[in-house]
């Protein structure tokens, strides 16, 4: 879905529309385990991993590319005040992509 002023800022966009430079969208697949006894310890579990993507003249740029996604990486920064994230690298990559 598109990102913008609203949470799911889609408006009345046709599925046939092209992605123009400057558009930002979210790619967020989800996995949801039904809350049924047969799934044991995993019942009712759900997870979504979101990547935010900027469309530029040079192609797509994954804005969330520097964020941790592996369980070990996330657990390492929990409670650390997010000090383990390299925001400077993300901003440098964004600045170099052009729009």
N, C-alpha and C. Protein backbone atom coordinates (compact mmCIF):
# COMPACT_ATOMS: atom_id res chain seq x y z
N UNK A 1 0.83 -1.18 0.00
CA UNK A 1 0.00 0.00 0.00
C UNK A 1 0.87 1.24 0.00
N UNK A 2 0.29 2.34 -0.44
CA UNK A 2 1.02 3.61 -0.46
C UNK A 2 1.19 4.13 0.97
N UNK A 3 2.21 4.96 1.18
CA UNK A 3 2.40 5.67 2.44
C UNK A 3 2.24 7.15 2.16
N UNK A 4 1.61 7.84 3.09
CA UNK A 4 1.41 9.27 2.90
C UNK A 4 0.84 9.88 4.14
N UNK A 5 -0.15 10.73 3.94
CA UNK A 5 -0.75 11.44 5.05
C UNK A 5 -1.55 10.50 5.94
N UNK A 6 -2.23 9.54 5.35
CA UNK A 6 -3.05 8.59 6.10
C UNK A 6 -2.26 7.28 6.26
N UNK A 7 -2.70 6.43 7.18
CA UNK A 7 -1.99 5.18 7.44
C UNK A 7 -1.88 4.32 6.18
N UNK A 8 -2.98 4.10 5.53
CA UNK A 8 -3.00 3.37 4.26
C UNK A 8 -3.50 4.33 3.19
N UNK A 9 -2.60 5.16 2.73
CA UNK A 9 -2.93 6.28 1.85
C UNK A 9 -3.06 5.81 0.40
N UNK A 10 -4.17 5.15 0.08
CA UNK A 10 -4.34 4.63 -1.27
C UNK A 10 -5.26 5.48 -2.12
N UNK A 11 -6.18 6.18 -1.49
CA UNK A 11 -7.11 7.00 -2.27
C UNK A 11 -7.84 6.16 -3.29
N UNK A 12 -7.89 6.65 -4.49
CA UNK A 12 -8.57 5.94 -5.57
C UNK A 12 -7.56 5.61 -6.66
N UNK A 13 -6.53 4.87 -6.30
CA UNK A 13 -5.47 4.54 -7.23
C UNK A 13 -5.82 3.25 -7.96
N UNK A 14 -5.75 3.29 -9.26
CA UNK A 14 -6.03 2.11 -10.07
C UNK A 14 -4.87 1.12 -9.97
N UNK A 15 -5.18 -0.16 -10.04
CA UNK A 15 -4.13 -1.18 -10.05
C UNK A 15 -3.28 -1.10 -11.31
N UNK A 16 -3.76 -0.38 -12.31
CA UNK A 16 -3.02 -0.23 -13.56
C UNK A 16 -2.09 0.98 -13.55
N UNK A 17 -2.08 1.75 -12.45
CA UNK A 17 -1.25 2.95 -12.36
C UNK A 17 0.23 2.58 -12.29
N UNK A 18 1.06 3.42 -12.89
CA UNK A 18 2.51 3.25 -12.80
C UNK A 18 3.01 3.84 -11.49
N UNK A 19 4.11 3.31 -11.00
CA UNK A 19 4.74 3.87 -9.81
C UNK A 19 5.69 4.97 -10.27
N UNK A 20 5.35 6.20 -9.95
CA UNK A 20 6.12 7.36 -10.37
C UNK A 20 7.17 7.72 -9.33
N UNK A 21 8.28 8.36 -9.75
CA UNK A 21 9.28 8.82 -8.77
C UNK A 21 8.63 9.70 -7.70
N UNK A 22 9.04 9.47 -6.46
CA UNK A 22 8.51 10.20 -5.32
C UNK A 22 7.47 9.42 -4.54
N UNK A 23 6.93 8.36 -5.14
CA UNK A 23 5.95 7.53 -4.45
C UNK A 23 6.67 6.67 -3.41
N UNK A 24 6.06 6.55 -2.24
CA UNK A 24 6.58 5.67 -1.19
C UNK A 24 5.49 4.67 -0.88
N UNK A 25 5.87 3.40 -0.84
CA UNK A 25 4.89 2.38 -0.53
C UNK A 25 5.47 1.37 0.44
N UNK A 26 4.57 0.62 1.05
CA UNK A 26 4.96 -0.40 2.01
C UNK A 26 4.75 -1.78 1.40
N UNK A 27 5.74 -2.63 1.59
CA UNK A 27 5.63 -4.03 1.21
C UNK A 27 5.66 -4.78 2.54
N UNK A 28 4.53 -5.35 2.94
CA UNK A 28 4.46 -5.94 4.27
C UNK A 28 3.71 -7.27 4.29
N UNK A 29 4.42 -8.32 3.91
CA UNK A 29 3.79 -9.63 4.00
C UNK A 29 3.53 -10.00 5.46
N UNK A 30 2.49 -10.75 5.68
CA UNK A 30 2.16 -11.17 7.04
C UNK A 30 1.97 -12.67 7.11
N UNK A 31 2.24 -13.21 8.27
CA UNK A 31 2.01 -14.63 8.54
C UNK A 31 1.17 -14.71 9.80
N UNK A 32 0.03 -15.38 9.71
CA UNK A 32 -0.87 -15.50 10.85
C UNK A 32 -1.25 -16.96 11.04
N UNK A 33 -0.96 -17.48 12.22
CA UNK A 33 -1.30 -18.85 12.57
C UNK A 33 -2.67 -18.82 13.26
N UNK A 34 -3.62 -19.62 12.79
CA UNK A 34 -4.94 -19.62 13.43
C UNK A 34 -4.86 -19.96 14.92
N UNK A 35 -5.77 -19.41 15.68
CA UNK A 35 -5.83 -19.66 17.12
C UNK A 35 -6.58 -20.97 17.36
N UNK A 36 -5.95 -22.04 16.91
CA UNK A 36 -6.54 -23.38 17.03
C UNK A 36 -5.55 -24.30 17.73
N UNK A 37 -6.07 -25.17 18.54
CA UNK A 37 -5.25 -26.05 19.37
C UNK A 37 -4.24 -26.86 18.57
N UNK A 38 -4.56 -27.24 17.36
CA UNK A 38 -3.67 -28.08 16.56
C UNK A 38 -2.33 -27.42 16.26
N UNK A 39 -2.22 -26.10 16.43
CA UNK A 39 -0.97 -25.39 16.14
C UNK A 39 -0.09 -25.25 17.37
N UNK A 40 -0.51 -25.82 18.48
CA UNK A 40 0.30 -25.86 19.69
C UNK A 40 0.80 -24.50 20.13
N UNK A 41 2.10 -24.41 20.40
CA UNK A 41 2.71 -23.19 20.93
C UNK A 41 2.63 -22.02 19.94
N UNK A 42 2.39 -22.32 18.67
CA UNK A 42 2.34 -21.27 17.65
C UNK A 42 0.94 -20.72 17.42
N UNK A 43 -0.06 -21.29 18.08
CA UNK A 43 -1.44 -20.87 17.83
C UNK A 43 -1.65 -19.40 18.17
N UNK A 44 -2.33 -18.71 17.28
CA UNK A 44 -2.62 -17.30 17.50
C UNK A 44 -1.46 -16.36 17.21
N UNK A 45 -0.34 -16.89 16.75
CA UNK A 45 0.84 -16.07 16.49
C UNK A 45 0.67 -15.33 15.17
N UNK A 46 1.12 -14.10 15.14
CA UNK A 46 1.11 -13.33 13.90
C UNK A 46 2.33 -12.45 13.83
N UNK A 47 2.84 -12.26 12.63
CA UNK A 47 4.00 -11.39 12.45
C UNK A 47 3.91 -10.72 11.08
N UNK A 48 4.32 -9.46 11.04
CA UNK A 48 4.41 -8.72 9.78
C UNK A 48 5.79 -8.08 9.74
N UNK A 49 6.41 -8.17 8.60
CA UNK A 49 7.69 -7.50 8.37
C UNK A 49 7.43 -6.48 7.27
N UNK A 50 7.67 -5.21 7.56
CA UNK A 50 7.37 -4.16 6.58
C UNK A 50 8.65 -3.55 6.05
N UNK A 51 8.71 -3.41 4.74
CA UNK A 51 9.75 -2.63 4.09
C UNK A 51 9.08 -1.43 3.44
N UNK A 52 9.65 -0.25 3.65
CA UNK A 52 9.16 0.96 3.01
C UNK A 52 10.06 1.26 1.83
N UNK A 53 9.46 1.47 0.66
CA UNK A 53 10.20 1.59 -0.58
C UNK A 53 9.89 2.92 -1.25
N UNK A 54 10.93 3.67 -1.59
CA UNK A 54 10.81 4.93 -2.32
C UNK A 54 11.09 4.66 -3.79
N UNK A 55 10.21 5.11 -4.66
CA UNK A 55 10.42 4.99 -6.10
C UNK A 55 11.17 6.25 -6.56
N UNK A 56 12.31 6.06 -7.22
CA UNK A 56 13.11 7.18 -7.72
C UNK A 56 13.33 7.01 -9.22
N UNK A 57 13.91 8.03 -9.84
CA UNK A 57 14.26 7.93 -11.27
C UNK A 57 15.28 6.83 -11.52
N UNK A 58 16.07 6.51 -10.50
CA UNK A 58 17.10 5.48 -10.62
C UNK A 58 16.60 4.10 -10.23
N UNK A 59 15.35 4.01 -9.80
CA UNK A 59 14.79 2.72 -9.37
C UNK A 59 14.34 2.76 -7.93
N UNK A 60 13.88 1.63 -7.42
CA UNK A 60 13.38 1.59 -6.04
C UNK A 60 14.52 1.61 -5.02
N UNK A 61 14.25 2.26 -3.88
CA UNK A 61 15.20 2.30 -2.77
C UNK A 61 14.46 1.81 -1.53
N UNK A 62 14.98 0.77 -0.90
CA UNK A 62 14.36 0.24 0.31
C UNK A 62 14.81 1.10 1.48
N UNK A 63 13.90 1.96 1.96
CA UNK A 63 14.23 2.90 3.03
C UNK A 63 14.50 2.19 4.34
N UNK A 64 13.89 1.06 4.54
CA UNK A 64 14.05 0.32 5.79
C UNK A 64 15.14 -0.74 5.70
N UNK A 65 15.98 -0.65 4.68
CA UNK A 65 16.99 -1.67 4.42
C UNK A 65 18.03 -1.86 5.51
N UNK A 66 18.26 -0.84 6.32
CA UNK A 66 19.27 -0.94 7.38
C UNK A 66 18.69 -1.46 8.69
N UNK A 67 17.39 -1.63 8.75
CA UNK A 67 16.77 -2.07 10.00
C UNK A 67 16.97 -3.56 10.21
N UNK A 68 17.12 -3.99 11.45
CA UNK A 68 17.32 -5.41 11.72
C UNK A 68 16.05 -6.21 11.46
N UNK A 69 16.20 -7.43 10.96
CA UNK A 69 15.05 -8.30 10.73
C UNK A 69 15.23 -9.68 11.36
N UNK A 70 16.45 -10.06 11.64
CA UNK A 70 16.70 -11.36 12.26
C UNK A 70 16.41 -11.27 13.75
N UNK A 71 15.87 -12.34 14.31
CA UNK A 71 15.50 -12.36 15.73
C UNK A 71 16.68 -11.97 16.62
N UNK A 72 17.86 -12.47 16.31
CA UNK A 72 19.04 -12.18 17.13
C UNK A 72 19.38 -10.70 17.10
N UNK A 73 19.25 -10.07 15.93
CA UNK A 73 19.54 -8.64 15.80
C UNK A 73 18.55 -7.81 16.61
N UNK A 74 17.29 -8.17 16.52
CA UNK A 74 16.25 -7.43 17.24
C UNK A 74 16.41 -7.60 18.74
N UNK A 75 16.66 -8.83 19.18
CA UNK A 75 16.84 -9.09 20.61
C UNK A 75 18.05 -8.34 21.16
N UNK A 76 19.08 -8.14 20.33
CA UNK A 76 20.29 -7.45 20.78
C UNK A 76 20.03 -5.97 21.07
N UNK A 77 19.04 -5.38 20.40
CA UNK A 77 18.80 -3.95 20.62
C UNK A 77 17.61 -3.67 21.53
N UNK A 78 16.83 -4.69 21.86
CA UNK A 78 15.69 -4.48 22.75
C UNK A 78 16.21 -3.96 24.09
N UNK A 79 15.67 -2.86 24.52
CA UNK A 79 16.08 -2.27 25.79
C UNK A 79 17.34 -1.44 25.69
N UNK A 80 17.92 -1.32 24.48
CA UNK A 80 19.17 -0.57 24.34
C UNK A 80 18.92 0.87 23.91
N UNK A 81 17.65 1.27 23.78
CA UNK A 81 17.35 2.62 23.32
C UNK A 81 17.62 2.80 21.84
N UNK A 82 17.64 1.71 21.08
CA UNK A 82 17.87 1.73 19.63
C UNK A 82 19.26 2.22 19.26
N UNK A 83 20.20 2.15 20.18
CA UNK A 83 21.56 2.61 19.90
C UNK A 83 22.27 1.77 18.85
N UNK A 84 21.78 0.57 18.60
CA UNK A 84 22.45 -0.31 17.65
C UNK A 84 22.11 -0.04 16.20
N UNK A 85 21.22 0.89 15.91
CA UNK A 85 20.82 1.14 14.53
C UNK A 85 21.71 2.21 13.89
N UNK A 86 22.05 2.00 12.64
CA UNK A 86 22.91 2.93 11.92
C UNK A 86 22.06 3.85 11.05
N UNK A 87 21.49 4.89 11.68
CA UNK A 87 20.63 5.81 10.95
C UNK A 87 21.42 6.59 9.91
N UNK A 88 22.67 6.92 10.19
CA UNK A 88 23.47 7.71 9.25
C UNK A 88 23.59 6.99 7.92
N UNK A 89 23.82 5.68 7.94
CA UNK A 89 23.94 4.92 6.69
C UNK A 89 22.64 4.97 5.90
N UNK A 90 21.52 4.89 6.59
CA UNK A 90 20.22 4.95 5.90
C UNK A 90 20.02 6.30 5.23
N UNK A 91 20.35 7.38 5.93
CA UNK A 91 20.16 8.71 5.36
C UNK A 91 21.13 8.97 4.22
N UNK A 92 22.36 8.46 4.32
CA UNK A 92 23.33 8.62 3.23
C UNK A 92 22.84 7.90 1.97
N UNK A 93 22.31 6.69 2.14
CA UNK A 93 21.80 5.93 1.00
C UNK A 93 20.62 6.65 0.36
N UNK A 94 19.74 7.20 1.19
CA UNK A 94 18.58 7.93 0.68
C UNK A 94 19.03 9.19 -0.07
N UNK A 95 19.99 9.92 0.48
CA UNK A 95 20.46 11.15 -0.16
C UNK A 95 21.14 10.86 -1.50
N UNK A 96 21.79 9.71 -1.62
CA UNK A 96 22.51 9.40 -2.85
C UNK A 96 21.62 8.85 -3.95
N UNK A 97 20.37 8.49 -3.63
CA UNK A 97 19.52 7.84 -4.63
C UNK A 97 18.89 8.83 -5.59
N UNK A 98 18.74 10.08 -5.19
CA UNK A 98 18.08 11.06 -6.05
C UNK A 98 16.61 10.73 -6.20
N UNK A 99 15.84 11.64 -6.66
CA UNK A 99 14.41 11.37 -6.85
C UNK A 99 14.04 11.72 -8.26
